[in-house]
Amino acid sequence: MNPKVSKDFYTTFFNETLDGLAYCQILFDEQGNPIDFIYIKVNKKFEELTGLKKVEGKKATELVFITNTINSELIEIYSQVSLTGKSRRFEMNIGIYSKCFLISVYSSQKNFFVSIFQDITDQKNIEKNLEDAKKAAANVLEDLQTEKEMLAHAKAKDEALLESIGEGMIAVDIDKKVLLINKVAEKMIGWSGKELISKELTNLPLEDEAGNLIPSNKRPTTLALETGKTVKVDYFFVRKDKSKFLMAITVTPIKLNRKIIGLIEIIRDVTHEKEIDKAKSEFVSLASHQLRTPLTTVSWYTEMILKGDVGKVLPRQKKYLKEIYQGNKRMIDLVNTLLDVSRIELGTFRAEPIETNIITLAKSILDEQKLEIKKKGLIIVENFSKDIPTFSIDPKLLRMVFQNLLTNAVGYTPPKGKIEFSISLENKNICIKVSDTGYGIPKNQQNQIFTKLFRADNVRDKDTDGTGLGLYIVKSIVENSGGKIWFESEENKGTIFYITFPLKKVKGEEDKK
């Protein structure tokens, strides 16, 4: 803890930053079955969200909670987390309060856990409104193709529905000219419908974080028309009065008989949400920095004892000290990973590109994995082209990419399996492929593989040490280095990850994050 910062500051910051925080102890009967839990410490936000008052030190069954009796499913989840250390996130409708909560449960100590309640009732309502908006807008655009005498009545009806939607909505034709705009969108962007109807939507100013105008060919409406797919982006919108706000934009093509007849653009001001995300990232960074120092100290002293620097260590003592050392090392790795994630989100994750021999780097990563590869009897195939030149990239970050992909391939491939590591040169691009014959990724979860804290259901029981942050970091590094990453996978047959880097100098000069 920073000695210049008071303890009250940390306490206030901790209590006010996390929504609905509750620190609890799970209770078991004599047969070891979970029967109840005690609230040890809760923050003010938890009391506001749940309506429970003065709960600290009380059993859940003593309180009116959920359906007047303690929910057995909730107790079971809490007990599993506290016993296994595996985090859980789930949604629960609490009827007595007419709210939907996202509940995140974490534990690093047996019988104790932290539960964080987040009220997502508004989010669920927004999702429903967005779906209603798409349906209504689809009706509007379809009506435009029908006879004129039918259009007036249908359009008036659908416009009335659109005006009741809480999100901003703009409908455009295939020429990207505005057909409809609701009052919420008008108020949000500062232009009236009269000023925008029949005008090209791409004329409105959108900027990136650096204040650069987004060109027409890269705007979401253009991309949605070209690809025929829904496009989601976040850009800064400049109002008529020159004020700016961060806008979340979702553009969906509307099709009639498989032909695109227009687009629906849903817009939302996410400035406040981004501020909350930033505050949480800063908290993770602050907490991780404070944790790293004592963990490093434990590591040093444990290593000194194991080496015999402070006296002879008995074999039995050495066994337990090694367990302490390895457990502490895993904690340090987790803290470092959390710091990397917070740097990515805060924009302070800097790249320092230099001329790098990628083949030499790849072979050094394979050498690090040799012990585990030999232990599992895996077959390793190296396909490294001889014509690969050195190119400008940050070797430390590229090492993290290779370590994550190869560690996953080795960890999630059964004994006697096969792993292939290929690097080649194609069309002035460095092409990297890491394939395995492992467990694969379930098809219904493949769209989440690069998100934070995600681990596929089929590997959680096989490997309990994963954080679900590795591939999120890999994707961030690759894309911020000017590269691309994608994958192919089939459950129980294996996974192939592909990466390409341009030979030209990648992003990350001294003045770039």
Protein backbone atom coordinates (compact mmCIF):
# COMPACT_ATOMS: atom_id res chain seq x y z
CA MET A 1 0.00 0.00 0.00
CA ASN A 2 1.34 3.47 -0.88
CA PRO A 3 2.27 5.12 2.48
CA LYS A 4 1.32 8.53 1.09
CA VAL A 5 -2.28 7.44 0.58
CA SER A 6 -4.45 7.05 3.66
CA LYS A 7 -6.12 3.77 4.60
CA ASP A 8 -9.49 5.55 4.47
CA PHE A 9 -8.87 6.40 0.79
CA TYR A 10 -8.29 2.74 -0.10
CA THR A 11 -11.33 1.64 1.90
CA THR A 12 -13.56 4.27 0.28
CA PHE A 13 -12.15 3.57 -3.19
CA PHE A 14 -12.70 -0.20 -2.76
CA ASN A 15 -16.24 0.16 -1.39
CA GLU A 16 -17.39 2.71 -3.96
CA THR A 17 -15.76 1.19 -7.08
CA LEU A 18 -17.25 -2.28 -7.15
CA ASP A 19 -21.02 -2.64 -7.53
CA GLY A 20 -22.90 -4.79 -5.02
CA LEU A 21 -19.83 -6.24 -3.24
CA ALA A 22 -20.51 -8.89 -0.57
CA TYR A 23 -17.83 -10.91 1.27
CA CYS A 24 -19.36 -14.08 2.73
CA GLN A 25 -18.67 -17.41 4.43
CA ILE A 26 -20.43 -20.60 3.33
CA LEU A 27 -21.86 -22.88 6.05
CA PHE A 28 -22.11 -26.68 5.87
CA ASP A 29 -23.94 -29.26 7.97
CA GLU A 30 -22.24 -32.22 9.67
CA GLN A 31 -22.44 -34.29 6.46
CA GLY A 32 -20.65 -31.54 4.53
CA ASN A 33 -23.74 -30.33 2.64
CA PRO A 34 -24.07 -26.55 2.03
CA ILE A 35 -26.96 -25.15 4.09
CA ASP A 36 -26.48 -21.40 4.42
CA PHE A 37 -24.02 -18.50 4.25
CA ILE A 38 -23.10 -15.53 6.42
CA TYR A 39 -22.60 -11.98 5.16
CA ILE A 40 -19.21 -10.93 6.61
CA LYS A 41 -18.75 -7.60 4.81
CA VAL A 42 -20.94 -5.75 2.27
CA ASN A 43 -20.70 -2.32 0.67
CA LYS A 44 -23.40 0.36 0.46
CA LYS A 45 -24.14 -0.42 -3.17
CA PHE A 46 -25.06 -4.03 -2.26
CA GLU A 47 -27.61 -2.77 0.25
CA GLU A 48 -29.05 -0.32 -2.30
CA LEU A 49 -29.33 -2.97 -5.03
CA THR A 50 -30.81 -5.81 -2.94
CA GLY A 51 -32.80 -3.81 -0.41
CA LEU A 52 -31.16 -5.77 2.42
CA LYS A 53 -30.11 -3.63 5.39
CA LYS A 54 -27.68 -4.33 8.27
CA VAL A 55 -26.83 -7.79 6.97
CA GLU A 56 -23.24 -8.05 8.16
CA GLY A 57 -22.81 -10.97 10.55
CA LYS A 58 -26.21 -12.45 9.68
CA LYS A 59 -27.15 -15.70 8.00
CA ALA A 60 -28.94 -15.45 4.67
CA THR A 61 -31.84 -17.56 6.02
CA GLU A 62 -32.45 -14.90 8.68
CA LEU A 63 -33.22 -12.34 5.95
CA VAL A 64 -36.04 -11.89 3.47
CA PHE A 65 -34.13 -12.56 0.25
CA ILE A 66 -35.19 -13.53 -3.28
CA THR A 67 -38.38 -15.56 -2.68
CA ASN A 68 -38.61 -15.21 1.14
CA THR A 69 -36.52 -18.36 1.52
CA ILE A 70 -32.85 -18.80 0.69
CA ASN A 71 -32.37 -20.07 -2.86
CA SER A 72 -30.78 -23.55 -2.78
CA GLU A 73 -29.24 -23.04 -6.24
CA LEU A 74 -27.46 -19.90 -5.03
CA ILE A 75 -26.04 -21.72 -1.99
CA GLU A 76 -24.85 -24.56 -4.23
CA ILE A 77 -23.05 -22.14 -6.57
CA TYR A 78 -21.44 -20.27 -3.67
CA SER A 79 -20.22 -23.52 -2.11
CA GLN A 80 -18.76 -24.77 -5.42
CA VAL A 81 -16.84 -21.53 -5.93
CA SER A 82 -15.52 -21.42 -2.37
CA LEU A 83 -14.43 -25.08 -2.47
CA THR A 84 -12.97 -25.23 -5.99
CA GLY A 85 -11.72 -21.67 -6.45
CA LYS A 86 -13.41 -21.57 -9.89
CA SER A 87 -15.09 -18.22 -10.54
CA ARG A 88 -18.71 -18.16 -11.73
CA ARG A 89 -20.82 -15.53 -13.49
CA PHE A 90 -24.56 -16.01 -13.86
CA GLU A 91 -27.77 -14.07 -14.18
CA MET A 92 -30.63 -14.31 -11.72
CA ASN A 93 -34.08 -12.73 -11.72
CA ILE A 94 -35.04 -11.63 -8.21
CA GLY A 95 -38.81 -11.41 -8.40
CA ILE A 96 -39.39 -9.70 -5.08
CA TYR A 97 -37.48 -6.66 -6.41
CA SER A 98 -38.45 -7.09 -10.10
CA LYS A 99 -34.79 -6.91 -11.05
CA CYS A 100 -32.30 -8.99 -13.01
CA PHE A 101 -28.83 -9.28 -11.52
CA LEU A 102 -25.50 -10.36 -13.03
CA ILE A 103 -23.76 -12.12 -10.15
CA SER A 104 -19.98 -12.69 -10.22
CA VAL A 105 -18.53 -15.00 -7.55
CA TYR A 106 -14.83 -15.31 -6.74
CA SER A 107 -12.89 -17.25 -4.10
CA SER A 108 -9.25 -17.83 -3.24
CA GLN A 109 -9.83 -19.22 0.28
CA LYS A 110 -11.82 -22.34 1.20
CA ASN A 111 -15.33 -21.67 2.61
CA PHE A 112 -15.08 -17.92 1.84
CA PHE A 113 -16.11 -16.06 -1.29
CA VAL A 114 -16.77 -12.61 -2.75
CA SER A 115 -20.05 -12.05 -4.60
CA ILE A 116 -20.62 -8.97 -6.78
CA PHE A 117 -24.21 -8.05 -7.73
CA GLN A 118 -24.72 -5.86 -10.82
CA ASP A 119 -28.21 -4.65 -11.69
CA ILE A 120 -28.65 -5.40 -15.42
CA THR A 121 -32.40 -4.78 -15.52
CA ASP A 122 -31.92 -1.66 -17.68
CA GLN A 123 -29.51 -3.51 -19.95
CA LYS A 124 -32.07 -6.30 -20.49
CA ASN A 125 -34.73 -3.72 -21.24
CA ILE A 126 -32.40 -1.99 -23.71
CA GLU A 127 -31.73 -5.29 -25.47
CA LYS A 128 -35.47 -5.83 -25.79
CA ASN A 129 -35.92 -2.28 -27.06
CA LEU A 130 -33.18 -2.80 -29.65
CA GLU A 131 -34.89 -5.94 -30.89
CA ASP A 132 -38.20 -4.08 -31.09
CA ALA A 133 -36.43 -1.28 -32.95
CA LYS A 134 -35.03 -3.67 -35.56
CA LYS A 135 -38.44 -5.22 -36.13
CA ALA A 136 -40.13 -1.85 -36.38
CA ALA A 137 -37.47 -0.47 -38.69
CA ALA A 138 -37.64 -3.56 -40.88
CA ASN A 139 -41.36 -2.97 -41.24
CA VAL A 140 -40.74 0.66 -42.18
CA LEU A 141 -38.21 -0.18 -44.89
CA GLU A 142 -40.31 -3.03 -46.25
CA ASP A 143 -43.28 -0.70 -46.46
CA LEU A 144 -41.21 1.64 -48.63
CA GLN A 145 -41.26 -1.03 -51.34
CA THR A 146 -45.05 -1.36 -51.37
CA GLU A 147 -47.67 0.80 -53.06
CA LYS A 148 -47.76 4.50 -52.12
CA GLU A 149 -51.30 4.41 -50.78
CA MET A 150 -50.25 1.68 -48.28
CA LEU A 151 -47.10 3.49 -47.24
CA ALA A 152 -48.59 6.48 -45.43
CA HIS A 153 -50.61 4.46 -42.93
CA ALA A 154 -47.91 1.84 -42.24
CA LYS A 155 -45.17 4.43 -41.95
CA ALA A 156 -47.14 6.51 -39.46
CA LYS A 157 -47.79 3.43 -37.32
CA ASP A 158 -44.17 2.31 -37.28
CA GLU A 159 -42.84 5.81 -36.69
CA ALA A 160 -45.08 6.03 -33.61
CA LEU A 161 -43.50 2.81 -32.36
CA LEU A 162 -39.98 4.08 -33.10
CA GLU A 163 -40.60 7.26 -31.13
CA SER A 164 -41.31 5.14 -28.04
CA ILE A 165 -37.90 3.44 -28.21
CA GLY A 166 -35.32 4.63 -25.71
CA GLU A 167 -32.35 4.27 -28.10
CA GLY A 168 -31.45 6.57 -30.98
CA MET A 169 -32.43 5.11 -34.36
CA ILE A 170 -31.73 6.24 -37.92
CA ALA A 171 -32.96 4.45 -41.05
CA VAL A 172 -31.12 5.00 -44.37
CA ASP A 173 -31.55 3.71 -47.91
CA ILE A 174 -28.90 1.96 -50.04
CA ASP A 175 -27.50 5.39 -50.97
CA LYS A 176 -26.96 6.04 -47.25
CA LYS A 177 -29.53 8.86 -47.29
CA VAL A 178 -31.62 9.33 -44.15
CA LEU A 179 -35.20 8.09 -44.39
CA LEU A 180 -36.23 8.22 -40.74
CA ILE A 181 -34.78 9.43 -37.46
CA ASN A 182 -36.46 9.27 -34.05
CA LYS A 183 -36.55 12.02 -31.43
CA VAL A 184 -33.99 10.31 -29.20
CA ALA A 185 -31.43 10.32 -32.03
CA GLU A 186 -32.20 13.97 -32.88
CA LYS A 187 -31.61 15.01 -29.28
CA MET A 188 -28.46 12.90 -29.02
CA ILE A 189 -26.69 14.20 -32.14
CA GLY A 190 -27.98 17.80 -32.09
CA TRP A 191 -29.49 17.79 -35.59
CA SER A 192 -33.20 17.79 -36.37
CA GLY A 193 -34.94 15.37 -38.68
CA LYS A 194 -35.75 18.19 -41.13
CA GLU A 195 -32.04 18.91 -41.49
CA LEU A 196 -31.13 15.25 -42.09
CA ILE A 197 -33.95 13.67 -44.14
CA SER A 198 -32.69 12.85 -47.68
CA LYS A 199 -29.12 13.85 -46.66
CA GLU A 200 -26.24 11.36 -46.61
CA LEU A 201 -25.58 10.05 -43.11
CA THR A 202 -21.86 9.82 -43.90
CA ASN A 203 -21.69 13.64 -43.97
CA LEU A 204 -22.11 13.74 -40.18
CA PRO A 205 -18.75 14.01 -38.34
CA LEU A 206 -17.34 10.89 -36.68
CA GLU A 207 -13.87 10.91 -35.10
CA ASP A 208 -11.46 8.40 -33.61
CA GLU A 209 -9.74 8.84 -30.23
CA ALA A 210 -7.02 10.98 -31.83
CA GLY A 211 -9.60 13.38 -33.29
CA ASN A 212 -9.17 12.18 -36.88
CA LEU A 213 -12.30 12.17 -39.06
CA ILE A 214 -13.44 8.69 -40.10
CA PRO A 215 -13.38 8.53 -43.93
CA SER A 216 -16.53 7.47 -45.79
CA ASN A 217 -15.11 4.08 -46.84
CA LYS A 218 -14.46 3.09 -43.21
CA ARG A 219 -17.72 4.27 -41.68
CA PRO A 220 -20.05 1.58 -40.29
CA THR A 221 -22.82 2.25 -42.84
CA THR A 222 -20.40 1.69 -45.73
CA LEU A 223 -18.98 -1.47 -44.17
CA ALA A 224 -22.46 -2.88 -43.48
CA LEU A 225 -23.51 -2.31 -47.12
CA GLU A 226 -20.31 -3.88 -48.45
CA THR A 227 -20.34 -6.96 -46.20
CA GLY A 228 -24.08 -7.45 -45.68
CA LYS A 229 -23.33 -8.04 -41.99
CA THR A 230 -24.06 -6.16 -38.77
CA VAL A 231 -21.26 -3.74 -37.86
CA LYS A 232 -20.59 -2.57 -34.28
CA VAL A 233 -18.11 0.25 -33.55
CA ASP A 234 -17.45 3.00 -30.99
CA TYR A 235 -16.58 6.47 -32.34
CA PHE A 236 -16.72 10.04 -31.08
CA PHE A 237 -19.59 12.05 -32.56
CA VAL A 238 -19.26 15.83 -33.00
CA ARG A 239 -22.53 17.70 -32.47
CA LYS A 240 -23.51 20.87 -34.25
CA ASP A 241 -22.32 22.89 -31.21
CA LYS A 242 -18.89 21.15 -31.49
CA SER A 243 -19.35 19.16 -28.28
CA LYS A 244 -18.34 15.49 -28.45
CA PHE A 245 -19.53 12.24 -26.92
CA LEU A 246 -18.58 8.58 -27.33
CA MET A 247 -21.20 6.87 -29.47
CA ALA A 248 -21.77 3.10 -29.67
CA ILE A 249 -23.03 2.42 -33.20
CA THR A 250 -24.75 -0.76 -34.42
CA VAL A 251 -25.59 -0.85 -38.12
CA THR A 252 -27.75 -3.71 -39.41
CA PRO A 253 -28.63 -4.34 -43.07
CA ILE A 254 -32.34 -4.73 -43.82
CA LYS A 255 -33.02 -7.31 -46.56
CA LEU A 256 -36.04 -8.02 -48.71
CA ASN A 257 -35.91 -11.19 -50.83
CA ARG A 258 -32.20 -11.50 -49.92
CA LYS A 259 -31.47 -8.03 -51.29
CA ILE A 260 -30.32 -5.15 -49.11
CA ILE A 261 -32.89 -2.34 -49.26
CA GLY A 262 -31.48 -0.14 -46.51
CA LEU A 263 -29.82 0.03 -43.10
CA ILE A 264 -30.88 0.58 -39.51
CA GLU A 265 -28.40 2.44 -37.30
CA ILE A 266 -28.90 2.20 -33.54
CA ILE A 267 -26.87 4.76 -31.57
CA ARG A 268 -26.19 5.10 -27.86
CA ASP A 269 -24.18 7.51 -25.71
CA VAL A 270 -21.72 5.28 -23.83
CA THR A 271 -19.54 8.02 -22.31
CA HIS A 272 -20.62 7.17 -18.76
CA GLU A 273 -20.15 3.42 -19.30
CA LYS A 274 -16.61 4.00 -20.58
CA GLU A 275 -15.83 6.15 -17.55
CA ILE A 276 -16.99 3.31 -15.28
CA ASP A 277 -14.88 0.80 -17.24
CA LYS A 278 -11.88 3.09 -16.92
CA ALA A 279 -12.41 3.44 -13.16
CA LYS A 280 -12.56 -0.34 -12.80
CA SER A 281 -9.41 -0.79 -14.93
CA GLU A 282 -7.60 1.81 -12.78
CA PHE A 283 -8.71 -0.06 -9.66
CA VAL A 284 -7.39 -3.37 -11.05
CA SER A 285 -4.10 -1.67 -11.94
CA LEU A 286 -3.81 -0.06 -8.49
CA ALA A 287 -4.68 -3.28 -6.65
CA SER A 288 -2.32 -5.36 -8.82
CA HIS A 289 0.59 -2.98 -8.20
CA GLN A 290 -0.02 -3.18 -4.46
CA LEU A 291 -0.21 -6.98 -4.55
CA ARG A 292 2.94 -7.51 -6.61
CA THR A 293 5.39 -6.20 -4.00
CA PRO A 294 4.43 -8.54 -1.08
CA LEU A 295 4.13 -11.52 -3.47
CA THR A 296 7.64 -10.85 -4.82
CA THR A 297 8.93 -10.61 -1.24
CA VAL A 298 7.38 -13.99 -0.37
CA SER A 299 9.01 -15.47 -3.48
CA TRP A 300 12.48 -14.14 -2.55
CA TYR A 301 12.37 -15.35 1.04
CA THR A 302 10.97 -18.76 0.08
CA GLU A 303 13.74 -19.19 -2.47
CA MET A 304 16.36 -18.25 0.14
CA ILE A 305 14.98 -20.84 2.58
CA LEU A 306 14.90 -23.54 -0.13
CA LYS A 307 18.56 -22.82 -0.99
CA GLY A 308 19.52 -23.25 2.65
CA ASP A 309 20.67 -19.66 3.10
CA VAL A 310 19.11 -19.50 6.58
CA GLY A 311 19.80 -23.04 7.72
CA LYS A 312 19.25 -26.64 6.76
CA VAL A 313 15.80 -27.56 5.45
CA LEU A 314 14.39 -31.03 6.08
CA PRO A 315 13.04 -32.97 3.04
CA ARG A 316 9.45 -32.79 4.30
CA GLN A 317 9.78 -29.05 4.91
CA LYS A 318 11.25 -28.57 1.45
CA LYS A 319 8.25 -30.31 -0.13
CA TYR A 320 5.81 -27.83 1.44
CA LEU A 321 8.08 -24.85 0.73
CA LYS A 322 8.14 -25.80 -2.95
CA GLU A 323 4.34 -25.86 -2.98
CA ILE A 324 4.32 -22.39 -1.40
CA TYR A 325 6.87 -21.15 -3.95
CA GLN A 326 4.90 -22.52 -6.94
CA GLY A 327 1.56 -21.22 -5.62
CA ASN A 328 3.09 -17.79 -5.04
CA LYS A 329 4.57 -17.85 -8.56
CA ARG A 330 1.11 -18.52 -10.01
CA MET A 331 -0.23 -15.55 -8.06
CA ILE A 332 2.57 -13.31 -9.42
CA ASP A 333 1.78 -14.49 -12.97
CA LEU A 334 -1.91 -13.69 -12.42
CA VAL A 335 -1.10 -10.21 -11.06
CA ASN A 336 1.18 -9.52 -14.03
CA THR A 337 -1.58 -10.66 -16.40
CA LEU A 338 -4.11 -8.36 -14.70
CA LEU A 339 -1.63 -5.50 -15.03
CA ASP A 340 -1.25 -6.23 -18.76
CA VAL A 341 -5.03 -6.19 -19.20
CA SER A 342 -5.42 -2.92 -17.30
CA ARG A 343 -2.61 -1.34 -19.40
CA ILE A 344 -4.38 -2.42 -22.59
CA GLU A 345 -7.68 -0.92 -21.44
CA LEU A 346 -6.10 2.29 -20.16
CA GLY A 347 -4.04 2.71 -23.36
CA THR A 348 -0.66 2.54 -21.60
CA PHE A 349 0.45 -0.81 -23.05
CA ARG A 350 3.38 0.46 -25.14
CA ALA A 351 5.15 -1.36 -27.96
CA GLU A 352 8.87 -0.84 -28.66
CA PRO A 353 9.52 -2.34 -32.12
CA ILE A 354 13.02 -3.38 -33.16
CA GLU A 355 14.37 -5.58 -35.94
CA THR A 356 13.52 -9.10 -34.74
CA ASN A 357 14.45 -12.60 -35.93
CA ILE A 358 11.08 -14.30 -35.53
CA ILE A 359 12.46 -17.84 -36.15
CA THR A 360 15.00 -17.54 -33.32
CA LEU A 361 12.28 -16.21 -31.02
CA ALA A 362 9.90 -19.06 -31.96
CA LYS A 363 12.52 -21.75 -31.28
CA SER A 364 13.29 -20.27 -27.85
CA ILE A 365 9.58 -20.52 -26.93
CA LEU A 366 9.51 -24.16 -28.06
CA ASP A 367 12.56 -24.87 -25.85
CA GLU A 368 10.63 -23.49 -22.85
CA GLN A 369 7.87 -26.03 -23.50
CA LYS A 370 10.15 -29.06 -24.02
CA LEU A 371 9.68 -30.49 -20.52
CA GLU A 372 5.86 -30.49 -20.73
CA ILE A 373 5.95 -31.70 -24.36
CA LYS A 374 8.15 -34.65 -23.38
CA LYS A 375 6.02 -35.40 -20.32
CA LYS A 376 2.86 -35.72 -22.47
CA GLY A 377 4.61 -37.47 -25.36
CA LEU A 378 3.45 -34.87 -27.88
CA ILE A 379 4.65 -34.78 -31.49
CA ILE A 380 5.99 -31.34 -32.47
CA VAL A 381 6.26 -30.38 -36.15
CA GLU A 382 8.30 -27.25 -36.98
CA ASN A 383 7.74 -25.70 -40.43
CA PHE A 384 9.91 -22.57 -40.48
CA SER A 385 10.68 -21.13 -43.92
CA LYS A 386 14.31 -20.19 -44.55
CA ASP A 387 13.49 -16.96 -46.40
CA ILE A 388 11.95 -15.13 -43.41
CA PRO A 389 13.68 -11.74 -43.01
CA THR A 390 13.95 -9.81 -39.78
CA PHE A 391 11.16 -7.29 -39.36
CA SER A 392 10.22 -4.50 -36.97
CA ILE A 393 8.12 -5.66 -34.01
CA ASP A 394 8.33 -5.65 -30.21
CA PRO A 395 10.00 -9.00 -29.36
CA LYS A 396 8.68 -8.95 -25.76
CA LEU A 397 5.09 -8.66 -26.95
CA LEU A 398 5.59 -11.22 -29.74
CA ARG A 399 7.04 -13.59 -27.12
CA MET A 400 3.81 -13.21 -25.10
CA VAL A 401 1.78 -14.09 -28.21
CA PHE A 402 3.81 -17.24 -28.91
CA GLN A 403 3.86 -18.28 -25.24
CA ASN A 404 0.08 -18.05 -24.93
CA LEU A 405 -0.67 -19.93 -28.17
CA LEU A 406 1.88 -22.70 -27.55
CA THR A 407 1.02 -23.06 -23.85
CA ASN A 408 -2.66 -23.47 -24.81
CA ALA A 409 -1.79 -25.98 -27.57
CA VAL A 410 0.34 -28.06 -25.20
CA GLY A 411 -2.06 -27.78 -22.25
CA TYR A 412 -5.23 -28.58 -24.21
CA THR A 413 -3.85 -31.44 -26.32
CA PRO A 414 -4.17 -34.96 -24.85
CA PRO A 415 -1.05 -37.17 -24.49
CA LYS A 416 0.42 -38.50 -27.79
CA GLY A 417 -1.25 -35.66 -29.70
CA LYS A 418 0.32 -33.50 -32.41
CA ILE A 419 1.21 -29.79 -32.52
CA GLU A 420 2.40 -27.93 -35.61
CA PHE A 421 4.16 -24.56 -35.51
CA SER A 422 4.59 -22.89 -38.92
CA ILE A 423 6.07 -19.55 -40.03
CA SER A 424 6.12 -18.57 -43.69
CA LEU A 425 6.30 -15.54 -46.00
CA GLU A 426 3.30 -14.82 -48.26
CA ASN A 427 2.58 -11.61 -50.22
CA LYS A 428 4.89 -9.49 -48.06
CA ASN A 429 3.22 -10.80 -44.89
CA ILE A 430 4.68 -12.93 -42.10
CA CYS A 431 2.21 -15.82 -41.71
CA ILE A 432 2.11 -17.79 -38.46
CA LYS A 433 0.08 -20.94 -37.80
CA VAL A 434 -0.22 -22.90 -34.54
CA SER A 435 -2.36 -26.04 -34.81
CA ASP A 436 -3.11 -28.89 -32.41
CA THR A 437 -5.16 -32.08 -32.18
CA GLY A 438 -6.62 -31.09 -28.81
CA TYR A 439 -10.03 -30.64 -27.28
CA GLY A 440 -11.15 -27.90 -29.68
CA ILE A 441 -13.63 -25.10 -28.99
CA PRO A 442 -17.41 -25.71 -28.90
CA LYS A 443 -19.05 -24.07 -31.91
CA ASN A 444 -21.61 -22.18 -29.82
CA GLN A 445 -18.80 -20.52 -27.81
CA GLN A 446 -16.34 -19.66 -30.59
CA ASN A 447 -17.53 -16.06 -30.83
CA GLN A 448 -16.39 -15.48 -27.21
CA ILE A 449 -12.88 -16.93 -27.46
CA PHE A 450 -11.09 -13.54 -27.55
CA THR A 451 -13.14 -11.94 -24.76
CA LYS A 452 -11.91 -11.32 -21.22
CA LEU A 453 -12.25 -14.04 -18.56
CA PHE A 454 -13.75 -16.55 -20.99
CA ARG A 455 -12.86 -20.25 -20.84
CA ALA A 456 -14.67 -22.87 -22.90
CA ASP A 457 -16.86 -25.32 -20.97
CA ASN A 458 -15.01 -28.39 -22.30
CA VAL A 459 -11.62 -27.37 -20.80
CA ARG A 460 -12.57 -25.97 -17.40
CA ASP A 461 -12.54 -29.36 -15.69
CA LYS A 462 -9.35 -30.43 -17.47
CA ASP A 463 -7.31 -27.34 -16.53
CA THR A 464 -8.22 -25.35 -13.41
CA ASP A 465 -5.29 -22.88 -13.63
CA GLY A 466 -6.39 -20.80 -16.63
CA THR A 467 -7.42 -17.13 -16.22
CA GLY A 468 -9.33 -16.63 -19.47
CA LEU A 469 -7.20 -13.56 -20.23
CA GLY A 470 -4.45 -14.98 -22.48
CA LEU A 471 -6.21 -14.85 -25.85
CA TYR A 472 -7.70 -11.43 -25.05
CA ILE A 473 -4.13 -10.14 -24.56
CA VAL A 474 -2.91 -11.98 -27.70
CA LYS A 475 -5.58 -10.38 -29.89
CA SER A 476 -4.88 -6.92 -28.46
CA ILE A 477 -1.13 -7.26 -29.11
CA VAL A 478 -1.58 -8.61 -32.66
CA GLU A 479 -4.10 -5.98 -33.77
CA ASN A 480 -2.23 -3.10 -32.15
CA SER A 481 0.91 -4.30 -33.96
CA GLY A 482 -0.88 -4.00 -37.30
CA GLY A 483 -1.57 -7.74 -37.63
CA LYS A 484 -4.64 -9.97 -37.89
CA ILE A 485 -5.62 -13.10 -35.95
CA TRP A 486 -8.34 -15.70 -36.53
CA PHE A 487 -8.90 -19.41 -35.89
CA GLU A 488 -10.63 -22.59 -36.99
CA SER A 489 -11.73 -25.22 -34.50
CA GLU A 490 -13.79 -28.37 -34.17
CA GLU A 491 -14.58 -29.90 -30.81
CA ASN A 492 -12.51 -33.04 -30.01
CA LYS A 493 -10.51 -32.63 -33.24
CA GLY A 494 -8.34 -29.60 -32.61
CA THR A 495 -7.77 -25.90 -33.24
CA ILE A 496 -5.72 -23.83 -35.68
CA PHE A 497 -4.74 -20.22 -34.91
CA TYR A 498 -3.61 -18.00 -37.79
CA ILE A 499 -1.69 -14.70 -37.47
CA THR A 500 -0.37 -12.36 -40.16
CA PHE A 501 1.97 -9.40 -39.73
CA PRO A 502 2.91 -6.97 -42.53
CA LEU A 503 6.64 -6.70 -43.21
CA LYS A 504 6.39 -2.93 -43.09
CA LYS A 505 7.08 -1.25 -39.76
CA VAL A 506 4.28 -1.99 -37.25
CA LYS A 507 2.56 0.45 -34.94
CA GLY A 508 4.29 1.34 -31.73
CA GLU A 509 6.83 4.11 -32.35
CA GLU A 510 8.08 6.00 -29.30
CA ASP A 511 5.16 8.41 -29.29
CA LYS A 512 2.52 5.72 -29.92
CA LYS A 513 0.69 3.56 -27.38
